[in-house]
């Protein structure tokens, strides 16, 4: 399998956590979509130009982090089972995967844009911050009775949520939350998450060097 991704893409981080949890063997291909040549070359594989993308041995390409995780969980027996077999449990996991993507990940993107335009967009920035805080409060209440986001086992929902928390860690001081704080500490001790954090740190260091910071 070949994974096309970028370490600073939260959706890529989501897929990476899952692949490491499944102990999957894959060839990593880091794609810098800000580079015009790299983007053109990648669009030869996937015209949408979106990351991540998994190319399996048959040559078929699988887009979207959630679909990639569904595929590897169904086809790789080893490692962590990321989607429960019981339909009701699986529904909860898929629901919180969607909530993380729509109420955290996509809002973070808008929040970052609003921060760059702070002087002209303070009202929008405050609205987005409040939206993020509301979602974090909801997740904190849920984690009062859950070890991981959907029960005792690490799942697709955690793969989706952890990259968002990584992006919010310093801005929202996650350790101030009683239950998210505990969850975040235990997540960072997990091998798959630790591997992704190392890739993110390396990518940030390389970016800073390129920018002369």
C-alpha atoms as a PDB file:
ATOM      1  CA  UNK A   1       0.000   0.000   0.000  1.00  0.00           C
ATOM      2  CA  UNK A   2       1.052   3.582  -0.659  1.00  0.00           C
ATOM      3  CA  UNK A   3      -0.118   6.474   1.503  1.00  0.00           C
ATOM      4  CA  UNK A   4      -0.027   9.988   0.060  1.00  0.00           C
ATOM      5  CA  UNK A   5      -0.236  12.509   2.870  1.00  0.00           C
ATOM      6  CA  UNK A   6       1.323  15.460   4.651  1.00  0.00           C
ATOM      7  CA  UNK A   7       2.220  15.359   8.380  1.00  0.00           C
ATOM      8  CA  UNK A   8       0.677  18.794   9.009  1.00  0.00           C
ATOM      9  CA  UNK A   9      -2.675  17.792   7.524  1.00  0.00           C
ATOM     10  CA  UNK A  10      -5.036  16.746  10.338  1.00  0.00           C
ATOM     11  CA  UNK A  11      -6.880  14.344   8.051  1.00  0.00           C
ATOM     12  CA  UNK A  12      -3.512  12.800   7.155  1.00  0.00           C
ATOM     13  CA  UNK A  13      -2.707  12.513  10.867  1.00  0.00           C
ATOM     14  CA  UNK A  14      -6.028  10.758  11.379  1.00  0.00           C
ATOM     15  CA  UNK A  15      -5.181   8.152   8.735  1.00  0.00           C
ATOM     16  CA  UNK A  16      -1.617   7.757  10.033  1.00  0.00           C
ATOM     17  CA  UNK A  17      -2.781   7.055  13.588  1.00  0.00           C
ATOM     18  CA  UNK A  18      -5.058   4.328  12.258  1.00  0.00           C
ATOM     19  CA  UNK A  19      -2.354   2.767  10.073  1.00  0.00           C
ATOM     20  CA  UNK A  20       0.067   2.683  13.002  1.00  0.00           C
ATOM     21  CA  UNK A  21      -2.627   1.226  15.270  1.00  0.00           C
ATOM     22  CA  UNK A  22      -3.240  -1.519  12.690  1.00  0.00           C
ATOM     23  CA  UNK A  23       0.512  -2.154  12.396  1.00  0.00           C
ATOM     24  CA  UNK A  24       0.000  -1.781   8.642  1.00  0.00           C
ATOM     25  CA  UNK A  25       2.853  -1.993   6.164  1.00  0.00           C
ATOM     26  CA  UNK A  26       2.742   0.925   3.746  1.00  0.00           C
ATOM     27  CA  UNK A  27       5.016   3.182   1.705  1.00  0.00           C
ATOM     28  CA  UNK A  28       4.760   6.824   2.814  1.00  0.00           C
ATOM     29  CA  UNK A  29       4.698   9.589   0.203  1.00  0.00           C
ATOM     30  CA  UNK A  30       4.765  13.102   1.675  1.00  0.00           C
ATOM     31  CA  UNK A  31       3.044  15.526  -0.700  1.00  0.00           C
ATOM     32  CA  UNK A  32       3.539  19.281  -0.343  1.00  0.00           C
ATOM     33  CA  UNK A  33       0.458  20.731  -2.006  1.00  0.00           C
ATOM     34  CA  UNK A  34       1.886  24.258  -1.694  1.00  0.00           C
ATOM     35  CA  UNK A  35       4.526  23.285  -4.248  1.00  0.00           C
ATOM     36  CA  UNK A  36       3.019  23.680  -7.765  1.00  0.00           C
ATOM     37  CA  UNK A  37       5.094  20.857  -9.257  1.00  0.00           C
ATOM     38  CA  UNK A  38       4.288  18.453  -6.416  1.00  0.00           C
ATOM     39  CA  UNK A  39       0.590  19.338  -6.692  1.00  0.00           C
ATOM     40  CA  UNK A  40       0.527  18.688 -10.450  1.00  0.00           C
ATOM     41  CA  UNK A  41       2.295  15.355 -10.018  1.00  0.00           C
ATOM     42  CA  UNK A  42      -0.080  14.308  -7.268  1.00  0.00           C
ATOM     43  CA  UNK A  43      -3.117  15.280  -9.350  1.00  0.00           C
ATOM     44  CA  UNK A  44      -1.993  12.693 -11.891  1.00  0.00           C
ATOM     45  CA  UNK A  45      -2.914  10.173  -9.206  1.00  0.00           C
ATOM     46  CA  UNK A  46      -5.944  11.968  -7.787  1.00  0.00           C
ATOM     47  CA  UNK A  47      -7.459  14.866  -9.714  1.00  0.00           C
ATOM     48  CA  UNK A  48      -9.108  16.288  -6.586  1.00  0.00           C
ATOM     49  CA  UNK A  49      -5.704  17.071  -5.085  1.00  0.00           C
ATOM     50  CA  UNK A  50      -6.956  16.200  -1.605  1.00  0.00           C
ATOM     51  CA  UNK A  51      -5.000  14.379   1.089  1.00  0.00           C
ATOM     52  CA  UNK A  52      -4.771  11.696   2.343  1.00  0.00           C
ATOM     53  CA  UNK A  53      -5.041   9.014  -0.322  1.00  0.00           C
ATOM     54  CA  UNK A  54      -4.327   5.285  -0.078  1.00  0.00           C
ATOM     55  CA  UNK A  55      -3.324   3.281  -3.135  1.00  0.00           C
ATOM     56  CA  UNK A  56      -3.718  -0.448  -2.562  1.00  0.00           C
ATOM     57  CA  UNK A  57      -1.855  -3.275  -4.264  1.00  0.00           C
ATOM     58  CA  UNK A  58      -4.507  -3.661  -6.993  1.00  0.00           C
ATOM     59  CA  UNK A  59      -3.841  -0.058  -8.044  1.00  0.00           C
ATOM     60  CA  UNK A  60      -7.202   1.169  -6.778  1.00  0.00           C
ATOM     61  CA  UNK A  61      -7.083   4.485  -4.920  1.00  0.00           C
ATOM     62  CA  UNK A  62      -9.061   5.125  -1.742  1.00  0.00           C
ATOM     63  CA  UNK A  63      -9.649   8.789  -0.779  1.00  0.00           C
ATOM     64  CA  UNK A  64     -10.743  10.333   2.512  1.00  0.00           C
ATOM     65  CA  UNK A  65      -9.326   9.450   5.933  1.00  0.00           C
ATOM     66  CA  UNK A  66     -12.532   7.837   7.216  1.00  0.00           C
ATOM     67  CA  UNK A  67     -12.904   5.614   4.147  1.00  0.00           C
ATOM     68  CA  UNK A  68      -9.215   4.671   4.351  1.00  0.00           C
ATOM     69  CA  UNK A  69      -9.687   3.645   7.984  1.00  0.00           C
ATOM     70  CA  UNK A  70     -12.848   1.681   7.137  1.00  0.00           C
ATOM     71  CA  UNK A  71     -10.870  -0.155   4.454  1.00  0.00           C
ATOM     72  CA  UNK A  72      -7.819  -1.023   6.546  1.00  0.00           C
ATOM     73  CA  UNK A  73      -9.906  -2.039   9.552  1.00  0.00           C
ATOM     74  CA  UNK A  74     -11.889  -4.448   7.375  1.00  0.00           C
ATOM     75  CA  UNK A  75      -8.834  -5.856   5.582  1.00  0.00           C
ATOM     76  CA  UNK A  76      -6.056  -5.939   8.198  1.00  0.00           C
ATOM     77  CA  UNK A  77      -6.674  -8.311  11.082  1.00  0.00           C
ATOM     78  CA  UNK A  78      -3.679  -7.385  13.205  1.00  0.00           C
ATOM     79  CA  UNK A  79      -3.495  -4.441  15.538  1.00  0.00           C
ATOM     80  CA  UNK A  80      -6.335  -2.447  17.068  1.00  0.00           C
ATOM     81  CA  UNK A  81      -9.915  -3.065  15.960  1.00  0.00           C
ATOM     82  CA  UNK A  82     -11.007   0.485  15.141  1.00  0.00           C
ATOM     83  CA  UNK A  83     -14.684  -0.106  14.321  1.00  0.00           C
ATOM     84  CA  UNK A  84     -16.633  -2.440  16.632  1.00  0.00           C
ATOM     85  CA  UNK A  85     -18.463  -5.425  15.222  1.00  0.00           C
ATOM     86  CA  UNK A  86     -21.650  -4.717  17.175  1.00  0.00           C
ATOM     87  CA  UNK A  87     -23.846  -2.433  15.003  1.00  0.00           C
ATOM     88  CA  UNK A  88     -24.898  -0.112  17.847  1.00  0.00           C
ATOM     89  CA  UNK A  89     -21.307   0.332  19.023  1.00  0.00           C
ATOM     90  CA  UNK A  90     -20.126   0.877  15.446  1.00  0.00           C
ATOM     91  CA  UNK A  91     -22.830   3.523  14.986  1.00  0.00           C
ATOM     92  CA  UNK A  92     -21.540   5.448  18.024  1.00  0.00           C
ATOM     93  CA  UNK A  93     -17.972   5.324  16.707  1.00  0.00           C
ATOM     94  CA  UNK A  94     -19.001   6.522  13.253  1.00  0.00           C
ATOM     95  CA  UNK A  95     -21.167   9.273  14.763  1.00  0.00           C
ATOM     96  CA  UNK A  96     -18.302  10.679  16.834  1.00  0.00           C
ATOM     97  CA  UNK A  97     -15.982  10.402  13.852  1.00  0.00           C
ATOM     98  CA  UNK A  98     -18.406  12.624  11.932  1.00  0.00           C
ATOM     99  CA  UNK A  99     -18.831  15.012  14.877  1.00  0.00           C
ATOM    100  CA  UNK A 100     -15.062  15.394  15.179  1.00  0.00           C
ATOM    101  CA  UNK A 101     -14.726  16.102  11.467  1.00  0.00           C
ATOM    102  CA  UNK A 102     -17.623  18.562  11.244  1.00  0.00           C
ATOM    103  CA  UNK A 103     -17.568  20.281  14.653  1.00  0.00           C
ATOM    104  CA  UNK A 104     -13.840  20.313  15.287  1.00  0.00           C
ATOM    105  CA  UNK A 105     -11.724  19.740  12.190  1.00  0.00           C
ATOM    106  CA  UNK A 106     -13.662  21.911   9.729  1.00  0.00           C
ATOM    107  CA  UNK A 107     -14.251  24.623  12.354  1.00  0.00           C
ATOM    108  CA  UNK A 108     -10.528  24.704  13.148  1.00  0.00           C
ATOM    109  CA  UNK A 109      -9.819  25.454   9.474  1.00  0.00           C
ATOM    110  CA  UNK A 110     -12.228  28.398   9.543  1.00  0.00           C
ATOM    111  CA  UNK A 111     -10.852  29.547  12.900  1.00  0.00           C
ATOM    112  CA  UNK A 112      -7.267  29.589  11.566  1.00  0.00           C
ATOM    113  CA  UNK A 113      -8.370  31.692   8.594  1.00  0.00           C
ATOM    114  CA  UNK A 114     -10.251  34.084  10.886  1.00  0.00           C
ATOM    115  CA  UNK A 115      -7.185  34.431  13.137  1.00  0.00           C
ATOM    116  CA  UNK A 116      -5.127  35.573  10.141  1.00  0.00           C
ATOM    117  CA  UNK A 117      -7.778  38.219   9.442  1.00  0.00           C
ATOM    118  CA  UNK A 118      -8.208  39.191  13.095  1.00  0.00           C
ATOM    119  CA  UNK A 119      -8.392  42.965  12.612  1.00  0.00           C
ATOM    120  CA  UNK A 120     -11.260  42.749  10.147  1.00  0.00           C
ATOM    121  CA  UNK A 121     -12.915  39.586  11.425  1.00  0.00           C
ATOM    122  CA  UNK A 122     -13.068  39.740  15.219  1.00  0.00           C
ATOM    123  CA  UNK A 123     -16.777  38.885  15.450  1.00  0.00           C
ATOM    124  CA  UNK A 124     -16.369  35.816  13.233  1.00  0.00           C
ATOM    125  CA  UNK A 125     -13.278  34.779  15.198  1.00  0.00           C
ATOM    126  CA  UNK A 126     -15.181  34.970  18.490  1.00  0.00           C
ATOM    127  CA  UNK A 127     -18.070  32.971  17.043  1.00  0.00           C
ATOM    128  CA  UNK A 128     -15.722  30.213  15.917  1.00  0.00           C
ATOM    129  CA  UNK A 129     -13.890  30.170  19.250  1.00  0.00           C
ATOM    130  CA  UNK A 130     -17.221  29.807  21.055  1.00  0.00           C
ATOM    131  CA  UNK A 131     -18.205  26.982  18.712  1.00  0.00           C
ATOM    132  CA  UNK A 132     -14.962  25.151  19.466  1.00  0.00           C
ATOM    133  CA  UNK A 133     -15.358  25.717  23.218  1.00  0.00           C
ATOM    134  CA  UNK A 134     -18.922  24.366  23.118  1.00  0.00           C
ATOM    135  CA  UNK A 135     -17.766  21.208  21.336  1.00  0.00           C
ATOM    136  CA  UNK A 136     -14.891  20.734  23.763  1.00  0.00           C
ATOM    137  CA  UNK A 137     -17.313  21.114  26.695  1.00  0.00           C
ATOM    138  CA  UNK A 138     -19.573  18.449  25.143  1.00  0.00           C
ATOM    139  CA  UNK A 139     -16.656  16.080  24.617  1.00  0.00           C
ATOM    140  CA  UNK A 140     -15.438  16.720  28.160  1.00  0.00           C
ATOM    141  CA  UNK A 141     -18.822  15.697  29.581  1.00  0.00           C
ATOM    142  CA  UNK A 142     -18.845  12.559  27.448  1.00  0.00           C
ATOM    143  CA  UNK A 143     -15.358  11.578  28.586  1.00  0.00           C
ATOM    144  CA  UNK A 144     -16.514  11.721  32.203  1.00  0.00           C
ATOM    145  CA  UNK A 145     -18.044   8.278  31.615  1.00  0.00           C
ATOM    146  CA  UNK A 146     -15.872   6.984  28.744  1.00  0.00           C
ATOM    147  CA  UNK A 147     -12.245   5.851  28.859  1.00  0.00           C
ATOM    148  CA  UNK A 148     -11.801   6.538  25.160  1.00  0.00           C
ATOM    149  CA  UNK A 149     -14.312   8.557  23.190  1.00  0.00           C
ATOM    150  CA  UNK A 150     -16.612   5.596  22.530  1.00  0.00           C
ATOM    151  CA  UNK A 151     -15.937   3.236  25.405  1.00  0.00           C
ATOM    152  CA  UNK A 152     -13.055   1.167  26.690  1.00  0.00           C
ATOM    153  CA  UNK A 153     -11.395   0.654  23.295  1.00  0.00           C
ATOM    154  CA  UNK A 154      -9.467   3.054  21.064  1.00  0.00           C
ATOM    155  CA  UNK A 155     -11.428   3.565  17.838  1.00  0.00           C
ATOM    156  CA  UNK A 156     -11.954   5.489  14.602  1.00  0.00           C
ATOM    157  CA  UNK A 157     -13.534   8.252  16.707  1.00  0.00           C
ATOM    158  CA  UNK A 158     -10.272   8.747  18.590  1.00  0.00           C
ATOM    159  CA  UNK A 159      -8.273   8.750  15.345  1.00  0.00           C
ATOM    160  CA  UNK A 160     -10.475  11.658  14.225  1.00  0.00           C
ATOM    161  CA  UNK A 161     -10.448  13.614  17.488  1.00  0.00           C
ATOM    162  CA  UNK A 162      -6.791  13.437  18.521  1.00  0.00           C
ATOM    163  CA  UNK A 163      -5.378  15.478  15.569  1.00  0.00           C
ATOM    164  CA  UNK A 164      -7.903  18.209  16.381  1.00  0.00           C
ATOM    165  CA  UNK A 165      -6.815  18.277  20.015  1.00  0.00           C
ATOM    166  CA  UNK A 166      -3.195  18.455  18.889  1.00  0.00           C
ATOM    167  CA  UNK A 167      -4.060  21.580  16.892  1.00  0.00           C
ATOM    168  CA  UNK A 168      -5.896  23.124  19.857  1.00  0.00           C
ATOM    169  CA  UNK A 169      -3.540  22.018  22.635  1.00  0.00           C
ATOM    170  CA  UNK A 170      -1.825  25.324  23.379  1.00  0.00           C
ATOM    171  CA  UNK A 171      -4.569  27.756  22.342  1.00  0.00           C
ATOM    172  CA  UNK A 172      -7.262  26.189  24.532  1.00  0.00           C
ATOM    173  CA  UNK A 173      -5.128  24.689  27.346  1.00  0.00           C
ATOM    174  CA  UNK A 174      -6.633  21.204  27.225  1.00  0.00           C
ATOM    175  CA  UNK A 175      -5.290  20.282  30.652  1.00  0.00           C
ATOM    176  CA  UNK A 176      -7.761  22.754  32.180  1.00  0.00           C
ATOM    177  CA  UNK A 177     -10.493  20.290  31.226  1.00  0.00           C
ATOM    178  CA  UNK A 178     -10.826  17.553  33.817  1.00  0.00           C
ATOM    179  CA  UNK A 179     -11.756  14.728  31.454  1.00  0.00           C
ATOM    180  CA  UNK A 180     -10.290  15.941  28.153  1.00  0.00           C
ATOM    181  CA  UNK A 181      -7.067  16.593  30.064  1.00  0.00           C
ATOM    182  CA  UNK A 182      -6.932  12.985  31.245  1.00  0.00           C
ATOM    183  CA  UNK A 183      -7.870  11.748  27.783  1.00  0.00           C
ATOM    184  CA  UNK A 184      -5.211  13.913  26.128  1.00  0.00           C
ATOM    185  CA  UNK A 185      -2.454  12.685  28.472  1.00  0.00           C
ATOM    186  CA  UNK A 186      -3.322   9.030  27.854  1.00  0.00           C
ATOM    187  CA  UNK A 187      -3.598   9.638  24.095  1.00  0.00           C
ATOM    188  CA  UNK A 188      -0.095  11.144  23.911  1.00  0.00           C
ATOM    189  CA  UNK A 189       1.309   8.073  25.670  1.00  0.00           C
ATOM    190  CA  UNK A 190      -0.071   5.808  22.945  1.00  0.00           C
ATOM    191  CA  UNK A 191       2.564   4.596  20.482  1.00  0.00           C
ATOM    192  CA  UNK A 192       0.645   5.448  17.299  1.00  0.00           C
ATOM    193  CA  UNK A 193      -0.122   8.965  18.501  1.00  0.00           C
ATOM    194  CA  UNK A 194       3.456   9.468  19.623  1.00  0.00           C
ATOM    195  CA  UNK A 195       4.720   8.490  16.152  1.00  0.00           C
ATOM    196  CA  UNK A 196       2.437  11.022  14.511  1.00  0.00           C
ATOM    197  CA  UNK A 197       3.482  13.748  16.959  1.00  0.00           C
ATOM    198  CA  UNK A 198       7.114  13.103  16.054  1.00  0.00           C
ATOM    199  CA  UNK A 199       6.310  13.458  12.342  1.00  0.00           C
ATOM    200  CA  UNK A 200       4.427  16.697  13.003  1.00  0.00           C
ATOM    201  CA  UNK A 201       7.328  18.114  15.049  1.00  0.00           C
ATOM    202  CA  UNK A 202       9.821  17.202  12.319  1.00  0.00           C
ATOM    203  CA  UNK A 203       7.664  18.783   9.610  1.00  0.00           C
ATOM    204  CA  UNK A 204       7.286  21.983  11.655  1.00  0.00           C
ATOM    205  CA  UNK A 205      11.058  22.139  12.179  1.00  0.00           C
ATOM    206  CA  UNK A 206      11.678  21.732   8.465  1.00  0.00           C
ATOM    207  CA  UNK A 207       9.121  24.440   7.646  1.00  0.00           C
ATOM    208  CA  UNK A 208      10.736  26.855  10.086  1.00  0.00           C
ATOM    209  CA  UNK A 209      14.172  26.208   8.565  1.00  0.00           C
ATOM    210  CA  UNK A 210      12.841  26.855   5.068  1.00  0.00           C
ATOM    211  CA  UNK A 211      11.297  30.106   6.256  1.00  0.00           C
ATOM    212  CA  UNK A 212      14.505  31.112   8.071  1.00  0.00           C
ATOM    213  CA  UNK A 213      12.845  31.149  11.495  1.00  0.00           C
END
